[in-house]
Amino acid sequence: MRVLELSFKREDGKGAKIVVANAREDITSEEVKTVMEGIISKNIFAPSGVNLVEAEGAKVIITQEEDLSFA
């Protein structure tokens, strides 16, 4: 599974994260930056009523699952 994790700074100086499941394999840094700037400028999310003010970073997290069978 590929997960895109977006990290922001809030007005109160605390951090906030938005996690997007099933991120595209071909997603680019520019696309992510544009989306993050849009989230901030349109005040789409305000965790605990506090606006996001800065895009701090983003990363793709790839996890692999393996089922274990019981004999």
Protein backbone atom coordinates (compact mmCIF):
# COMPACT_ATOMS: atom_id res chain seq x y z
CA MET A 1 0.00 0.00 0.00
CA ARG A 2 1.20 3.50 -0.82
CA VAL A 3 0.22 6.30 1.54
CA LEU A 4 0.92 9.99 1.00
CA GLU A 5 1.55 11.88 4.24
CA LEU A 6 1.27 15.68 4.10
CA SER A 7 2.80 17.66 6.98
CA PHE A 8 1.65 21.18 7.82
CA LYS A 9 2.29 23.85 10.44
CA ARG A 10 -0.79 25.33 12.13
CA GLU A 11 -1.34 28.94 13.24
CA ASP A 12 -0.58 27.93 16.81
CA GLY A 13 2.81 26.51 15.80
CA LYS A 14 1.79 22.89 16.23
CA GLY A 15 2.02 20.32 13.46
CA ALA A 16 -0.77 18.61 11.59
CA LYS A 17 -0.77 15.72 9.13
CA ILE A 18 -3.13 14.64 6.41
CA VAL A 19 -2.80 11.06 5.22
CA VAL A 20 -4.03 10.03 1.77
CA ALA A 21 -4.40 6.28 1.21
CA ASN A 22 -3.64 4.61 -2.12
CA ALA A 23 -1.38 7.36 -3.47
CA ARG A 24 -0.60 7.19 -7.18
CA GLU A 25 2.77 5.71 -8.07
CA ASP A 26 3.52 8.55 -10.49
CA ILE A 27 2.70 11.46 -8.16
CA THR A 28 5.18 14.33 -8.42
CA SER A 29 6.57 16.81 -5.91
CA GLU A 30 5.04 19.67 -7.89
CA GLU A 31 1.57 18.12 -7.74
CA VAL A 32 1.85 17.60 -4.00
CA LYS A 33 3.13 21.13 -3.42
CA THR A 34 0.28 22.61 -5.47
CA VAL A 35 -2.33 20.60 -3.57
CA MET A 36 -0.83 21.55 -0.20
CA GLU A 37 -0.77 25.24 -1.13
CA GLY A 38 -4.42 24.97 -2.22
CA ILE A 39 -5.41 23.35 1.07
CA ILE A 40 -3.75 26.22 2.95
CA SER A 41 -5.04 29.09 0.81
CA LYS A 42 -8.65 27.82 0.80
CA ASN A 43 -8.66 26.87 4.49
CA ILE A 44 -10.01 23.45 3.56
CA PHE A 45 -8.93 21.88 6.85
CA ALA A 46 -8.71 23.51 10.28
CA PRO A 47 -7.75 20.87 12.85
CA SER A 48 -9.29 21.78 16.23
CA GLY A 49 -10.44 25.04 14.63
CA VAL A 50 -6.86 26.17 13.91
CA ASN A 51 -5.91 27.04 10.32
CA LEU A 52 -2.99 25.47 8.48
CA VAL A 53 -0.40 28.10 7.53
CA GLU A 54 2.63 26.34 6.05
CA ALA A 55 3.45 23.21 4.08
CA GLU A 56 6.33 21.59 5.94
CA GLY A 57 6.83 18.48 3.84
CA ALA A 58 5.40 15.34 2.34
CA LYS A 59 6.41 11.73 1.96
CA VAL A 60 5.17 8.53 0.41
CA ILE A 61 5.10 5.59 2.79
CA ILE A 62 5.08 2.14 1.21
CA THR A 63 4.04 -0.83 3.31
CA GLN A 64 4.02 -4.46 2.41
CA GLU A 65 1.76 -7.01 4.04
CA GLU A 66 2.40 -10.70 4.29
CA ASP A 67 -0.20 -13.10 5.62
CA LEU A 68 1.04 -15.75 7.98
CA SER A 69 -0.63 -19.14 7.89
CA PHE A 70 -1.13 -21.27 10.93
CA ALA A 71 -0.37 -24.98 10.60
